[in-house]
Amino acid sequence: MSDQDRVAQVLAEEIRGADPAETPGRLCHAAVRLLPVTGASVSLSAHGMPVPLSASSPRVEYLMEVQATLGDGPCLTAAATGDPVFASDLTAARDALRWPVYAQQAAAAGIRAVYALPLGHRTVCVGTLDLYREAPGSLDVADLDAARTVADEMTRALTALSRGADSGRRDGDTWLHGMIAHHDEVHQAVGMVMAQLGVAADEALARLRARAFAQGRTLMDAAHELVGRRQGFDAG
């Protein structure tokens, strides 16, 4: 059996009998077992904003939220360009300078390397599979092939979830409703900032992200508070 066949077999066994909404999480855990990485996560991309979907650990989930809050990081770069991004050492000059704040946050959490693989097709990126490692370094050819196989399986799983939601299946609808509710709340908050400060959408999102980061909160939390309390958003 080839390495690629072995990886495909492990993934198939991992998701056999799983509910559709459980599949991304199971694939993240399988990626950690198959690859020399500490953690794995998957995020969807909607209007240039990452929507965290699943993670293999609380630490990885935290780093997903950090990128969403900052609007910067290897995973966002991969989603924007549609190309894989391999940050082999976030404490070294090239990677540390490319995403300075994210690199500092990741290193503080004990993560030195991040590998982000786009999900979808060559012309359409629907999100990213993100792999995290405590030790710096690159993935070898065999590990890259395995990571791409996981990404392909994750793309198929997300496509199946989307189709389930579109067809009215309860499992797909529950998954999609939760994701959209959080994402829509961010857009509501951005709209409130636009109206209160008289700024464009990009600047309003940047202001919201800056407030969330300054308060040590996630973008989702900051948006939820702003929308829920209908509080003012001062220019400072």
C-alpha atoms as a PDB file:
ATOM      1  CA  MET A   1       0.000   0.000   0.000  1.00  0.00           C
ATOM      2  CA  SER A   2       1.380   3.424  -0.952  1.00  0.00           C
ATOM      3  CA  ASP A   3       1.678   6.224   1.609  1.00  0.00           C
ATOM      4  CA  GLN A   4      -1.111   8.122  -0.111  1.00  0.00           C
ATOM      5  CA  ASP A   5      -3.402   5.083  -0.016  1.00  0.00           C
ATOM      6  CA  ARG A   6      -2.609   4.601   3.670  1.00  0.00           C
ATOM      7  CA  VAL A   7      -3.488   8.212   4.436  1.00  0.00           C
ATOM      8  CA  ALA A   8      -6.738   7.947   2.481  1.00  0.00           C
ATOM      9  CA  GLN A   9      -7.620   4.758   4.360  1.00  0.00           C
ATOM     10  CA  VAL A  10      -6.996   6.373   7.765  1.00  0.00           C
ATOM     11  CA  LEU A  11      -9.146   9.354   6.823  1.00  0.00           C
ATOM     12  CA  ALA A  12     -11.952   7.142   5.529  1.00  0.00           C
ATOM     13  CA  GLU A  13     -11.953   5.158   8.776  1.00  0.00           C
ATOM     14  CA  GLU A  14     -11.935   8.336  10.831  1.00  0.00           C
ATOM     15  CA  ILE A  15     -15.067   9.813   9.264  1.00  0.00           C
ATOM     16  CA  ARG A  16     -16.994   6.573   8.756  1.00  0.00           C
ATOM     17  CA  GLY A  17     -20.380   6.917  10.465  1.00  0.00           C
ATOM     18  CA  ALA A  18     -19.741  10.517  11.511  1.00  0.00           C
ATOM     19  CA  ASP A  19     -22.462  13.136  11.372  1.00  0.00           C
ATOM     20  CA  PRO A  20     -21.711  15.724   8.678  1.00  0.00           C
ATOM     21  CA  ALA A  21     -21.085  18.480  11.221  1.00  0.00           C
ATOM     22  CA  GLU A  22     -18.593  16.261  13.084  1.00  0.00           C
ATOM     23  CA  THR A  23     -16.545  15.461   9.989  1.00  0.00           C
ATOM     24  CA  PRO A  24     -14.281  18.567   9.886  1.00  0.00           C
ATOM     25  CA  GLY A  25     -13.300  18.078  13.521  1.00  0.00           C
ATOM     26  CA  ARG A  26     -12.535  14.415  13.003  1.00  0.00           C
ATOM     27  CA  LEU A  27     -10.377  15.229  10.001  1.00  0.00           C
ATOM     28  CA  CYS A  28      -8.442  17.795  12.062  1.00  0.00           C
ATOM     29  CA  HIS A  29      -7.695  15.150  14.690  1.00  0.00           C
ATOM     30  CA  ALA A  30      -6.714  12.662  11.979  1.00  0.00           C
ATOM     31  CA  ALA A  31      -4.294  15.204  10.497  1.00  0.00           C
ATOM     32  CA  VAL A  32      -2.526  15.490  13.848  1.00  0.00           C
ATOM     33  CA  ARG A  33      -2.114  11.712  14.001  1.00  0.00           C
ATOM     34  CA  LEU A  34      -0.916  11.426  10.413  1.00  0.00           C
ATOM     35  CA  LEU A  35       1.475  14.368  10.289  1.00  0.00           C
ATOM     36  CA  PRO A  36       4.354  15.705  12.404  1.00  0.00           C
ATOM     37  CA  VAL A  37       2.205  18.594  13.679  1.00  0.00           C
ATOM     38  CA  THR A  38       0.863  19.703  17.043  1.00  0.00           C
ATOM     39  CA  GLY A  39      -2.572  20.781  15.891  1.00  0.00           C
ATOM     40  CA  ALA A  40      -4.895  21.357  12.962  1.00  0.00           C
ATOM     41  CA  SER A  41      -7.834  23.627  12.247  1.00  0.00           C
ATOM     42  CA  VAL A  42     -10.168  24.542   9.422  1.00  0.00           C
ATOM     43  CA  SER A  43     -11.612  27.960   8.610  1.00  0.00           C
ATOM     44  CA  LEU A  44     -13.994  29.044   5.892  1.00  0.00           C
ATOM     45  CA  SER A  45     -13.513  32.270   3.990  1.00  0.00           C
ATOM     46  CA  ALA A  46     -16.434  34.642   3.548  1.00  0.00           C
ATOM     47  CA  HIS A  47     -15.975  38.095   2.025  1.00  0.00           C
ATOM     48  CA  GLY A  48     -12.303  38.008   2.947  1.00  0.00           C
ATOM     49  CA  MET A  49     -13.039  37.206   6.582  1.00  0.00           C
ATOM     50  CA  PRO A  50     -12.106  33.843   8.122  1.00  0.00           C
ATOM     51  CA  VAL A  51     -14.919  31.923   9.807  1.00  0.00           C
ATOM     52  CA  PRO A  52     -13.360  29.454  12.299  1.00  0.00           C
ATOM     53  CA  LEU A  53     -15.073  26.081  11.950  1.00  0.00           C
ATOM     54  CA  SER A  54     -13.192  23.401  13.868  1.00  0.00           C
ATOM     55  CA  ALA A  55      -9.914  22.835  15.701  1.00  0.00           C
ATOM     56  CA  SER A  56      -8.064  19.931  17.268  1.00  0.00           C
ATOM     57  CA  SER A  57      -7.338  21.728  20.566  1.00  0.00           C
ATOM     58  CA  PRO A  58      -8.167  24.892  22.549  1.00  0.00           C
ATOM     59  CA  ARG A  59      -4.715  26.325  21.776  1.00  0.00           C
ATOM     60  CA  VAL A  60      -5.256  25.962  18.038  1.00  0.00           C
ATOM     61  CA  GLU A  61      -8.779  27.361  18.356  1.00  0.00           C
ATOM     62  CA  TYR A  62      -7.291  30.400  20.102  1.00  0.00           C
ATOM     63  CA  LEU A  63      -4.821  30.970  17.256  1.00  0.00           C
ATOM     64  CA  MET A  64      -7.663  30.717  14.735  1.00  0.00           C
ATOM     65  CA  GLU A  65      -9.469  33.491  16.593  1.00  0.00           C
ATOM     66  CA  VAL A  66      -6.274  35.560  16.782  1.00  0.00           C
ATOM     67  CA  GLN A  67      -6.024  35.584  12.986  1.00  0.00           C
ATOM     68  CA  ALA A  68      -9.704  36.466  12.600  1.00  0.00           C
ATOM     69  CA  THR A  69      -9.264  39.315  15.073  1.00  0.00           C
ATOM     70  CA  LEU A  70      -6.053  40.647  13.527  1.00  0.00           C
ATOM     71  CA  GLY A  71      -7.097  40.080   9.930  1.00  0.00           C
ATOM     72  CA  ASP A  72      -3.579  38.833   9.320  1.00  0.00           C
ATOM     73  CA  GLY A  73      -1.584  35.598   9.379  1.00  0.00           C
ATOM     74  CA  PRO A  74      -0.477  32.682   7.189  1.00  0.00           C
ATOM     75  CA  CYS A  75      -3.984  31.233   6.929  1.00  0.00           C
ATOM     76  CA  LEU A  76      -5.507  34.504   5.746  1.00  0.00           C
ATOM     77  CA  THR A  77      -2.715  34.904   3.225  1.00  0.00           C
ATOM     78  CA  ALA A  78      -3.416  31.411   1.855  1.00  0.00           C
ATOM     79  CA  ALA A  79      -7.143  32.148   1.626  1.00  0.00           C
ATOM     80  CA  ALA A  80      -6.523  35.464  -0.153  1.00  0.00           C
ATOM     81  CA  THR A  81      -4.033  34.114  -2.688  1.00  0.00           C
ATOM     82  CA  GLY A  82      -5.333  30.573  -3.142  1.00  0.00           C
ATOM     83  CA  ASP A  83      -1.762  29.305  -2.715  1.00  0.00           C
ATOM     84  CA  PRO A  84      -0.296  27.207   0.125  1.00  0.00           C
ATOM     85  CA  VAL A  85       1.621  29.209   2.710  1.00  0.00           C
ATOM     86  CA  PHE A  86       4.403  27.587   4.732  1.00  0.00           C
ATOM     87  CA  ALA A  87       5.702  29.609   7.668  1.00  0.00           C
ATOM     88  CA  SER A  88       8.500  27.348   8.846  1.00  0.00           C
ATOM     89  CA  ASP A  89       9.704  29.567  11.717  1.00  0.00           C
ATOM     90  CA  LEU A  90       7.552  32.371  13.081  1.00  0.00           C
ATOM     91  CA  THR A  91      10.414  33.592  15.263  1.00  0.00           C
ATOM     92  CA  ALA A  92      12.809  34.016  12.307  1.00  0.00           C
ATOM     93  CA  ALA A  93      13.179  37.192  10.251  1.00  0.00           C
ATOM     94  CA  ARG A  94      11.162  36.401   7.123  1.00  0.00           C
ATOM     95  CA  ASP A  95       8.053  34.894   8.715  1.00  0.00           C
ATOM     96  CA  ALA A  96       8.185  37.070  11.828  1.00  0.00           C
ATOM     97  CA  LEU A  97       8.298  40.221   9.708  1.00  0.00           C
ATOM     98  CA  ARG A  98       5.576  39.076   7.328  1.00  0.00           C
ATOM     99  CA  TRP A  99       2.976  38.707  10.109  1.00  0.00           C
ATOM    100  CA  PRO A 100       4.632  40.451  13.075  1.00  0.00           C
ATOM    101  CA  VAL A 101       1.765  40.564  15.589  1.00  0.00           C
ATOM    102  CA  TYR A 102       0.398  37.148  14.719  1.00  0.00           C
ATOM    103  CA  ALA A 103       3.896  35.640  14.812  1.00  0.00           C
ATOM    104  CA  GLN A 104       4.417  37.060  18.295  1.00  0.00           C
ATOM    105  CA  GLN A 105       1.070  35.695  19.505  1.00  0.00           C
ATOM    106  CA  ALA A 106       1.727  32.259  18.009  1.00  0.00           C
ATOM    107  CA  ALA A 107       5.216  32.049  19.500  1.00  0.00           C
ATOM    108  CA  ALA A 108       3.831  33.065  22.892  1.00  0.00           C
ATOM    109  CA  ALA A 109       1.385  30.161  22.597  1.00  0.00           C
ATOM    110  CA  GLY A 110       4.270  27.782  21.856  1.00  0.00           C
ATOM    111  CA  ILE A 111       3.729  27.498  18.089  1.00  0.00           C
ATOM    112  CA  ARG A 112       6.765  28.067  15.854  1.00  0.00           C
ATOM    113  CA  ALA A 113       5.525  26.861  12.442  1.00  0.00           C
ATOM    114  CA  VAL A 114       2.219  27.085  10.559  1.00  0.00           C
ATOM    115  CA  TYR A 115       1.323  25.480   7.237  1.00  0.00           C
ATOM    116  CA  ALA A 116      -1.864  26.702   5.529  1.00  0.00           C
ATOM    117  CA  LEU A 117      -3.400  24.827   2.586  1.00  0.00           C
ATOM    118  CA  PRO A 118      -6.280  26.331   0.578  1.00  0.00           C
ATOM    119  CA  LEU A 119      -9.497  24.343   0.347  1.00  0.00           C
ATOM    120  CA  GLY A 120     -11.560  24.229  -2.818  1.00  0.00           C
ATOM    121  CA  HIS A 121     -10.516  24.312  -6.420  1.00  0.00           C
ATOM    122  CA  ARG A 122      -7.787  26.144  -8.300  1.00  0.00           C
ATOM    123  CA  THR A 123     -10.042  29.122  -9.062  1.00  0.00           C
ATOM    124  CA  VAL A 124     -12.183  29.157  -5.889  1.00  0.00           C
ATOM    125  CA  CYS A 125     -10.779  29.038  -2.352  1.00  0.00           C
ATOM    126  CA  VAL A 126     -13.498  28.299   0.215  1.00  0.00           C
ATOM    127  CA  GLY A 127     -11.212  28.222   3.239  1.00  0.00           C
ATOM    128  CA  THR A 128      -8.014  26.753   4.605  1.00  0.00           C
ATOM    129  CA  LEU A 129      -6.693  23.705   6.403  1.00  0.00           C
ATOM    130  CA  ASP A 130      -4.158  25.015   8.893  1.00  0.00           C
ATOM    131  CA  LEU A 131      -1.451  22.874  10.503  1.00  0.00           C
ATOM    132  CA  TYR A 132       0.560  23.973  13.534  1.00  0.00           C
ATOM    133  CA  ARG A 133       3.852  22.749  14.970  1.00  0.00           C
ATOM    134  CA  GLU A 134       5.822  23.573  18.113  1.00  0.00           C
ATOM    135  CA  ALA A 135       9.179  22.989  16.444  1.00  0.00           C
ATOM    136  CA  PRO A 136      10.358  25.075  13.472  1.00  0.00           C
ATOM    137  CA  GLY A 137      10.999  23.423  10.150  1.00  0.00           C
ATOM    138  CA  SER A 138       9.469  22.409   6.836  1.00  0.00           C
ATOM    139  CA  LEU A 139       7.296  19.464   5.895  1.00  0.00           C
ATOM    140  CA  ASP A 140       9.010  16.853   3.752  1.00  0.00           C
ATOM    141  CA  VAL A 141       7.587  15.639   0.446  1.00  0.00           C
ATOM    142  CA  ALA A 142       5.705  12.687   1.947  1.00  0.00           C
ATOM    143  CA  ASP A 143       4.163  14.850   4.657  1.00  0.00           C
ATOM    144  CA  LEU A 144       3.164  17.477   2.097  1.00  0.00           C
ATOM    145  CA  ASP A 145       1.426  14.802   0.027  1.00  0.00           C
ATOM    146  CA  ALA A 146      -0.392  13.585   3.133  1.00  0.00           C
ATOM    147  CA  ALA A 147      -1.406  17.138   4.052  1.00  0.00           C
ATOM    148  CA  ARG A 148      -2.794  17.705   0.555  1.00  0.00           C
ATOM    149  CA  THR A 149      -4.794  14.476   0.827  1.00  0.00           C
ATOM    150  CA  VAL A 150      -6.291  15.705   4.109  1.00  0.00           C
ATOM    151  CA  ALA A 151      -7.092  19.049   2.462  1.00  0.00           C
ATOM    152  CA  ASP A 152      -8.813  17.298  -0.452  1.00  0.00           C
ATOM    153  CA  GLU A 153     -10.906  15.214   1.951  1.00  0.00           C
ATOM    154  CA  MET A 154     -11.752  18.333   3.971  1.00  0.00           C
ATOM    155  CA  THR A 155     -12.919  20.068   0.783  1.00  0.00           C
ATOM    156  CA  ARG A 156     -15.213  17.142  -0.011  1.00  0.00           C
ATOM    157  CA  ALA A 157     -16.585  17.182   3.541  1.00  0.00           C
ATOM    158  CA  LEU A 158     -17.342  20.903   3.434  1.00  0.00           C
ATOM    159  CA  THR A 159     -18.967  20.544   0.029  1.00  0.00           C
ATOM    160  CA  ALA A 160     -21.207  17.795   1.408  1.00  0.00           C
ATOM    161  CA  LEU A 161     -22.130  19.981   4.390  1.00  0.00           C
ATOM    162  CA  SER A 162     -23.034  22.865   2.120  1.00  0.00           C
ATOM    163  CA  ARG A 163     -25.179  20.639  -0.074  1.00  0.00           C
ATOM    164  CA  GLY A 164     -26.896  19.248   3.003  1.00  0.00           C
ATOM    165  CA  ALA A 165     -27.793  22.735   4.160  1.00  0.00           C
ATOM    166  CA  ASP A 166     -29.042  23.734   0.716  1.00  0.00           C
ATOM    167  CA  SER A 167     -31.270  20.657   0.547  1.00  0.00           C
ATOM    168  CA  GLY A 168     -32.829  21.409   3.925  1.00  0.00           C
ATOM    169  CA  ARG A 169     -31.243  18.572   5.863  1.00  0.00           C
ATOM    170  CA  ARG A 170     -31.323  19.255   9.573  1.00  0.00           C
ATOM    171  CA  ASP A 171     -27.659  18.475  10.232  1.00  0.00           C
ATOM    172  CA  GLY A 172     -26.406  20.734   7.469  1.00  0.00           C
ATOM    173  CA  ASP A 173     -28.873  23.481   8.394  1.00  0.00           C
ATOM    174  CA  THR A 174     -27.762  23.476  12.049  1.00  0.00           C
ATOM    175  CA  TRP A 175     -24.111  23.710  11.067  1.00  0.00           C
ATOM    176  CA  LEU A 176     -24.684  26.452   8.521  1.00  0.00           C
ATOM    177  CA  HIS A 177     -27.039  28.465  10.712  1.00  0.00           C
ATOM    178  CA  GLY A 178     -24.505  28.665  13.534  1.00  0.00           C
ATOM    179  CA  MET A 179     -21.725  29.723  11.212  1.00  0.00           C
ATOM    180  CA  ILE A 180     -23.790  32.382   9.443  1.00  0.00           C
ATOM    181  CA  ALA A 181     -25.193  33.772  12.697  1.00  0.00           C
ATOM    182  CA  HIS A 182     -21.708  34.586  13.996  1.00  0.00           C
ATOM    183  CA  HIS A 183     -20.573  35.963  10.650  1.00  0.00           C
ATOM    184  CA  ASP A 184     -23.670  38.118  10.231  1.00  0.00           C
ATOM    185  CA  GLU A 185     -23.139  39.574  13.701  1.00  0.00           C
ATOM    186  CA  VAL A 186     -19.699  40.804  12.681  1.00  0.00           C
ATOM    187  CA  HIS A 187     -21.243  42.477   9.622  1.00  0.00           C
ATOM    188  CA  GLN A 188     -23.932  44.049  11.809  1.00  0.00           C
ATOM    189  CA  ALA A 189     -21.255  45.438  14.089  1.00  0.00           C
ATOM    190  CA  VAL A 190     -19.281  46.764  11.116  1.00  0.00           C
ATOM    191  CA  GLY A 191     -22.434  48.490   9.864  1.00  0.00           C
ATOM    192  CA  MET A 192     -22.946  50.107  13.264  1.00  0.00           C
ATOM    193  CA  VAL A 193     -19.366  51.413  13.305  1.00  0.00           C
ATOM    194  CA  MET A 194     -19.783  52.760   9.761  1.00  0.00           C
ATOM    195  CA  ALA A 195     -22.928  54.630  10.750  1.00  0.00           C
ATOM    196  CA  GLN A 196     -21.540  56.001  14.020  1.00  0.00           C
ATOM    197  CA  LEU A 197     -18.128  57.090  12.732  1.00  0.00           C
ATOM    198  CA  GLY A 198     -18.998  57.838   9.105  1.00  0.00           C
ATOM    199  CA  VAL A 199     -16.251  55.570   7.732  1.00  0.00           C
ATOM    200  CA  ALA A 200     -16.085  52.983   4.959  1.00  0.00           C
ATOM    201  CA  ALA A 201     -16.531  49.255   5.595  1.00  0.00           C
ATOM    202  CA  ASP A 202     -12.814  48.411   5.485  1.00  0.00           C
ATOM    203  CA  GLU A 203     -11.965  51.060   8.049  1.00  0.00           C
ATOM    204  CA  ALA A 204     -14.925  50.096  10.242  1.00  0.00           C
ATOM    205  CA  LEU A 205     -13.750  46.477  10.309  1.00  0.00           C
ATOM    206  CA  ALA A 206     -10.200  47.630  11.086  1.00  0.00           C
ATOM    207  CA  ARG A 207     -11.508  49.783  13.971  1.00  0.00           C
ATOM    208  CA  LEU A 208     -13.522  46.843  15.350  1.00  0.00           C
ATOM    209  CA  ARG A 209     -10.519  44.545  15.082  1.00  0.00           C
ATOM    210  CA  ALA A 210      -8.292  47.100  16.803  1.00  0.00           C
ATOM    211  CA  ARG A 211     -10.724  47.447  19.702  1.00  0.00           C
ATOM    212  CA  ALA A 212     -11.004  43.669  20.082  1.00  0.00           C
ATOM    213  CA  PHE A 213      -7.223  43.216  20.072  1.00  0.00           C
ATOM    214  CA  ALA A 214      -6.638  46.109  22.500  1.00  0.00           C
ATOM    215  CA  GLN A 215      -9.157  44.569  24.915  1.00  0.00           C
ATOM    216  CA  GLY A 216      -7.680  41.080  24.553  1.00  0.00           C
ATOM    217  CA  ARG A 217     -10.906  39.782  23.031  1.00  0.00           C
ATOM    218  CA  THR A 218     -11.867  38.010  19.844  1.00  0.00           C
ATOM    219  CA  LEU A 219     -13.489  39.776  16.918  1.00  0.00           C
ATOM    220  CA  MET A 220     -16.628  37.678  17.432  1.00  0.00           C
ATOM    221  CA  ASP A 221     -16.862  38.676  21.096  1.00  0.00           C
ATOM    222  CA  ALA A 222     -16.399  42.359  20.322  1.00  0.00           C
ATOM    223  CA  ALA A 223     -19.057  42.232  17.609  1.00  0.00           C
ATOM    224  CA  HIS A 224     -21.490  40.356  19.845  1.00  0.00           C
ATOM    225  CA  GLU A 225     -21.143  42.940  22.607  1.00  0.00           C
ATOM    226  CA  LEU A 226     -21.534  45.881  20.255  1.00  0.00           C
ATOM    227  CA  VAL A 227     -24.647  44.443  18.580  1.00  0.00           C
ATOM    228  CA  GLY A 228     -26.174  43.128  21.811  1.00  0.00           C
ATOM    229  CA  ARG A 229     -25.741  46.274  23.860  1.00  0.00           C
ATOM    230  CA  ARG A 230     -26.262  48.675  20.977  1.00  0.00           C
ATOM    231  CA  GLN A 231     -23.530  50.729  22.614  1.00  0.00           C
ATOM    232  CA  GLY A 232     -21.759  53.627  21.009  1.00  0.00           C
ATOM    233  CA  PHE A 233     -18.446  53.144  19.239  1.00  0.00           C
ATOM    234  CA  ASP A 234     -16.243  56.138  19.996  1.00  0.00           C
ATOM    235  CA  ALA A 235     -13.599  57.315  17.557  1.00  0.00           C
ATOM    236  CA  GLY A 236     -10.847  56.643  20.067  1.00  0.00           C
END
